[in-house]
Amino acid sequence: MSTPDVAALAPHDGAALAATVSEFVESALGRGSVVDARDMRKLVSAAARLYAACSDRACEEIPAIDATVSTTDAVMLASALLRAHDLCPFDLAPWFSRVGVGCSDRPQAES
């Protein structure tokens, strides 16, 4: 997707993007394909930034994954994210209570 295409996206276009990425992942896993490490880093980085921004704007923790992600896959990603910033599980304590901080003056998102 080129930059002009991205600029034209509306907020509801996230569903189309999610469906496209999901289809790509299922196809790649089915073929036993591997995504280049640089491309994977860009994809995970973009998803992490989008997740954090959406959760912050919603003033609540948005469920990050669905039932298609195994515990092992979730922990592998979580561990990689921690290592990328030289963090250990102990360092996460401040963030476990962070969600919604500063949101008392904003309306809460509806479920």
C-alpha atoms as a PDB file:
ATOM      1  CA  MET A   1       0.000   0.000   0.000  1.00  0.00           C
ATOM      2  CA  SER A   2       1.538   3.311  -1.024  1.00  0.00           C
ATOM      3  CA  THR A   3       1.531   6.444   1.107  1.00  0.00           C
ATOM      4  CA  PRO A   4      -1.342   8.110  -0.809  1.00  0.00           C
ATOM      5  CA  ASP A   5      -3.466   4.982  -0.305  1.00  0.00           C
ATOM      6  CA  VAL A   6      -2.792   5.020   3.435  1.00  0.00           C
ATOM      7  CA  ALA A   7      -3.730   8.699   3.686  1.00  0.00           C
ATOM      8  CA  ALA A   8      -7.120   7.891   2.138  1.00  0.00           C
ATOM      9  CA  LEU A   9      -7.996   5.233   4.721  1.00  0.00           C
ATOM     10  CA  ALA A  10     -10.963   5.864   6.960  1.00  0.00           C
ATOM     11  CA  PRO A  11     -11.014   4.510  10.532  1.00  0.00           C
ATOM     12  CA  HIS A  12     -13.429   1.710   9.537  1.00  0.00           C
ATOM     13  CA  ASP A  13     -10.932   0.522   6.914  1.00  0.00           C
ATOM     14  CA  GLY A  14      -9.084  -1.233   9.734  1.00  0.00           C
ATOM     15  CA  ALA A  15     -11.412  -4.215   9.251  1.00  0.00           C
ATOM     16  CA  ALA A  16     -10.354  -4.540   5.615  1.00  0.00           C
ATOM     17  CA  LEU A  17      -6.687  -4.233   6.537  1.00  0.00           C
ATOM     18  CA  ALA A  18      -7.064  -6.811   9.318  1.00  0.00           C
ATOM     19  CA  ALA A  19      -8.767  -9.232   6.926  1.00  0.00           C
ATOM     20  CA  THR A  20      -6.012  -8.768   4.336  1.00  0.00           C
ATOM     21  CA  VAL A  21      -3.222  -9.304   6.865  1.00  0.00           C
ATOM     22  CA  SER A  22      -5.001 -12.324   8.335  1.00  0.00           C
ATOM     23  CA  GLU A  23      -5.418 -13.846   4.876  1.00  0.00           C
ATOM     24  CA  PHE A  24      -1.742 -13.215   4.108  1.00  0.00           C
ATOM     25  CA  VAL A  25      -0.659 -14.848   7.385  1.00  0.00           C
ATOM     26  CA  GLU A  26      -2.833 -17.929   6.841  1.00  0.00           C
ATOM     27  CA  SER A  27      -1.516 -18.281   3.292  1.00  0.00           C
ATOM     28  CA  ALA A  28       2.116 -17.844   4.363  1.00  0.00           C
ATOM     29  CA  LEU A  29       1.758 -20.341   7.219  1.00  0.00           C
ATOM     30  CA  GLY A  30       0.020 -22.815   4.930  1.00  0.00           C
ATOM     31  CA  ARG A  31       2.868 -22.631   2.423  1.00  0.00           C
ATOM     32  CA  GLY A  32       5.548 -22.744   5.108  1.00  0.00           C
ATOM     33  CA  SER A  33       6.759 -19.320   3.936  1.00  0.00           C
ATOM     34  CA  VAL A  34       8.970 -17.099   6.029  1.00  0.00           C
ATOM     35  CA  VAL A  35       8.701 -13.304   6.037  1.00  0.00           C
ATOM     36  CA  ASP A  36      11.964 -11.367   5.827  1.00  0.00           C
ATOM     37  CA  ALA A  37      13.146 -10.251   9.286  1.00  0.00           C
ATOM     38  CA  ARG A  38      13.145  -6.550   8.327  1.00  0.00           C
ATOM     39  CA  ASP A  39       9.598  -6.811   6.989  1.00  0.00           C
ATOM     40  CA  MET A  40       8.474  -8.668  10.122  1.00  0.00           C
ATOM     41  CA  ARG A  41      10.020  -5.982  12.324  1.00  0.00           C
ATOM     42  CA  LYS A  42       8.166  -3.266  10.376  1.00  0.00           C
ATOM     43  CA  LEU A  43       4.882  -5.174  10.619  1.00  0.00           C
ATOM     44  CA  VAL A  44       5.140  -5.853  14.360  1.00  0.00           C
ATOM     45  CA  SER A  45       6.356  -2.313  15.059  1.00  0.00           C
ATOM     46  CA  ALA A  46       3.436  -0.780  13.168  1.00  0.00           C
ATOM     47  CA  ALA A  47       0.929  -3.101  14.867  1.00  0.00           C
ATOM     48  CA  ALA A  48       2.377  -2.289  18.308  1.00  0.00           C
ATOM     49  CA  ARG A  49       2.199   1.461  17.705  1.00  0.00           C
ATOM     50  CA  LEU A  50      -1.361   1.204  16.377  1.00  0.00           C
ATOM     51  CA  TYR A  51      -2.458  -0.989  19.295  1.00  0.00           C
ATOM     52  CA  ALA A  52      -0.993   1.404  21.870  1.00  0.00           C
ATOM     53  CA  ALA A  53      -2.549   4.462  20.209  1.00  0.00           C
ATOM     54  CA  CYS A  54      -5.989   2.830  19.907  1.00  0.00           C
ATOM     55  CA  SER A  55      -5.939   1.570  23.497  1.00  0.00           C
ATOM     56  CA  ASP A  56      -4.853   4.967  24.750  1.00  0.00           C
ATOM     57  CA  ARG A  57      -7.574   6.756  22.797  1.00  0.00           C
ATOM     58  CA  ALA A  58     -10.202   4.272  23.942  1.00  0.00           C
ATOM     59  CA  CYS A  59      -9.076   4.707  27.567  1.00  0.00           C
ATOM     60  CA  GLU A  60      -9.166   0.964  28.004  1.00  0.00           C
ATOM     61  CA  GLU A  61      -7.117  -2.090  27.243  1.00  0.00           C
ATOM     62  CA  ILE A  62      -8.276  -3.500  23.930  1.00  0.00           C
ATOM     63  CA  PRO A  63      -8.024  -7.308  23.702  1.00  0.00           C
ATOM     64  CA  ALA A  64      -4.809  -7.683  21.704  1.00  0.00           C
ATOM     65  CA  ILE A  65      -5.326 -11.145  20.228  1.00  0.00           C
ATOM     66  CA  ASP A  66      -8.052 -13.631  19.467  1.00  0.00           C
ATOM     67  CA  ALA A  67      -8.327 -17.383  19.993  1.00  0.00           C
ATOM     68  CA  THR A  68      -6.253 -18.113  16.868  1.00  0.00           C
ATOM     69  CA  VAL A  69      -3.075 -17.124  18.739  1.00  0.00           C
ATOM     70  CA  SER A  70      -1.693 -19.888  20.923  1.00  0.00           C
ATOM     71  CA  THR A  71      -0.222 -19.247  24.349  1.00  0.00           C
ATOM     72  CA  THR A  72       3.190 -20.172  22.979  1.00  0.00           C
ATOM     73  CA  ASP A  73       2.869 -17.698  20.094  1.00  0.00           C
ATOM     74  CA  ALA A  74       1.707 -14.936  22.455  1.00  0.00           C
ATOM     75  CA  VAL A  75       4.590 -15.514  24.876  1.00  0.00           C
ATOM     76  CA  MET A  76       7.121 -15.690  22.031  1.00  0.00           C
ATOM     77  CA  LEU A  77       5.975 -12.277  20.788  1.00  0.00           C
ATOM     78  CA  ALA A  78       5.779 -10.796  24.292  1.00  0.00           C
ATOM     79  CA  SER A  79       9.312 -12.020  25.042  1.00  0.00           C
ATOM     80  CA  ALA A  80      10.638 -10.566  21.779  1.00  0.00           C
ATOM     81  CA  LEU A  81       8.981  -7.226  22.543  1.00  0.00           C
ATOM     82  CA  LEU A  82      10.546  -7.151  26.009  1.00  0.00           C
ATOM     83  CA  ARG A  83      13.995  -8.066  24.699  1.00  0.00           C
ATOM     84  CA  ALA A  84      13.762  -5.385  21.992  1.00  0.00           C
ATOM     85  CA  HIS A  85      13.754  -2.756  24.745  1.00  0.00           C
ATOM     86  CA  ASP A  86      16.021  -4.638  27.153  1.00  0.00           C
ATOM     87  CA  LEU A  87      13.181  -5.157  29.632  1.00  0.00           C
ATOM     88  CA  CYS A  88      12.389  -8.056  31.938  1.00  0.00           C
ATOM     89  CA  PRO A  89       8.952  -9.122  33.193  1.00  0.00           C
ATOM     90  CA  PHE A  90       9.553  -7.210  36.454  1.00  0.00           C
ATOM     91  CA  ASP A  91       9.803  -3.967  34.425  1.00  0.00           C
ATOM     92  CA  LEU A  92       6.192  -4.382  33.287  1.00  0.00           C
ATOM     93  CA  ALA A  93       4.638  -3.677  36.701  1.00  0.00           C
ATOM     94  CA  PRO A  94       4.086   0.064  36.115  1.00  0.00           C
ATOM     95  CA  TRP A  95       2.217  -0.610  32.864  1.00  0.00           C
ATOM     96  CA  PHE A  96      -0.205  -3.131  34.314  1.00  0.00           C
ATOM     97  CA  SER A  97      -1.992  -0.311  36.091  1.00  0.00           C
ATOM     98  CA  ARG A  98      -1.455   2.316  33.375  1.00  0.00           C
ATOM     99  CA  VAL A  99      -4.425   1.675  31.078  1.00  0.00           C
ATOM    100  CA  GLY A 100      -6.954   4.458  31.359  1.00  0.00           C
ATOM    101  CA  VAL A 101      -4.638   6.852  33.215  1.00  0.00           C
ATOM    102  CA  GLY A 102      -5.608  10.404  32.328  1.00  0.00           C
ATOM    103  CA  CYS A 103      -8.921   9.324  30.855  1.00  0.00           C
ATOM    104  CA  SER A 104     -11.250  10.473  33.622  1.00  0.00           C
ATOM    105  CA  ASP A 105     -12.049  13.607  31.639  1.00  0.00           C
ATOM    106  CA  ARG A 106     -12.751  11.673  28.429  1.00  0.00           C
ATOM    107  CA  PRO A 107     -15.787   9.529  27.694  1.00  0.00           C
ATOM    108  CA  GLN A 108     -15.101   5.799  27.962  1.00  0.00           C
ATOM    109  CA  ALA A 109     -15.334   3.714  24.794  1.00  0.00           C
ATOM    110  CA  GLU A 110     -18.422   1.581  24.430  1.00  0.00           C
ATOM    111  CA  SER A 111     -17.960  -2.168  24.184  1.00  0.00           C
END
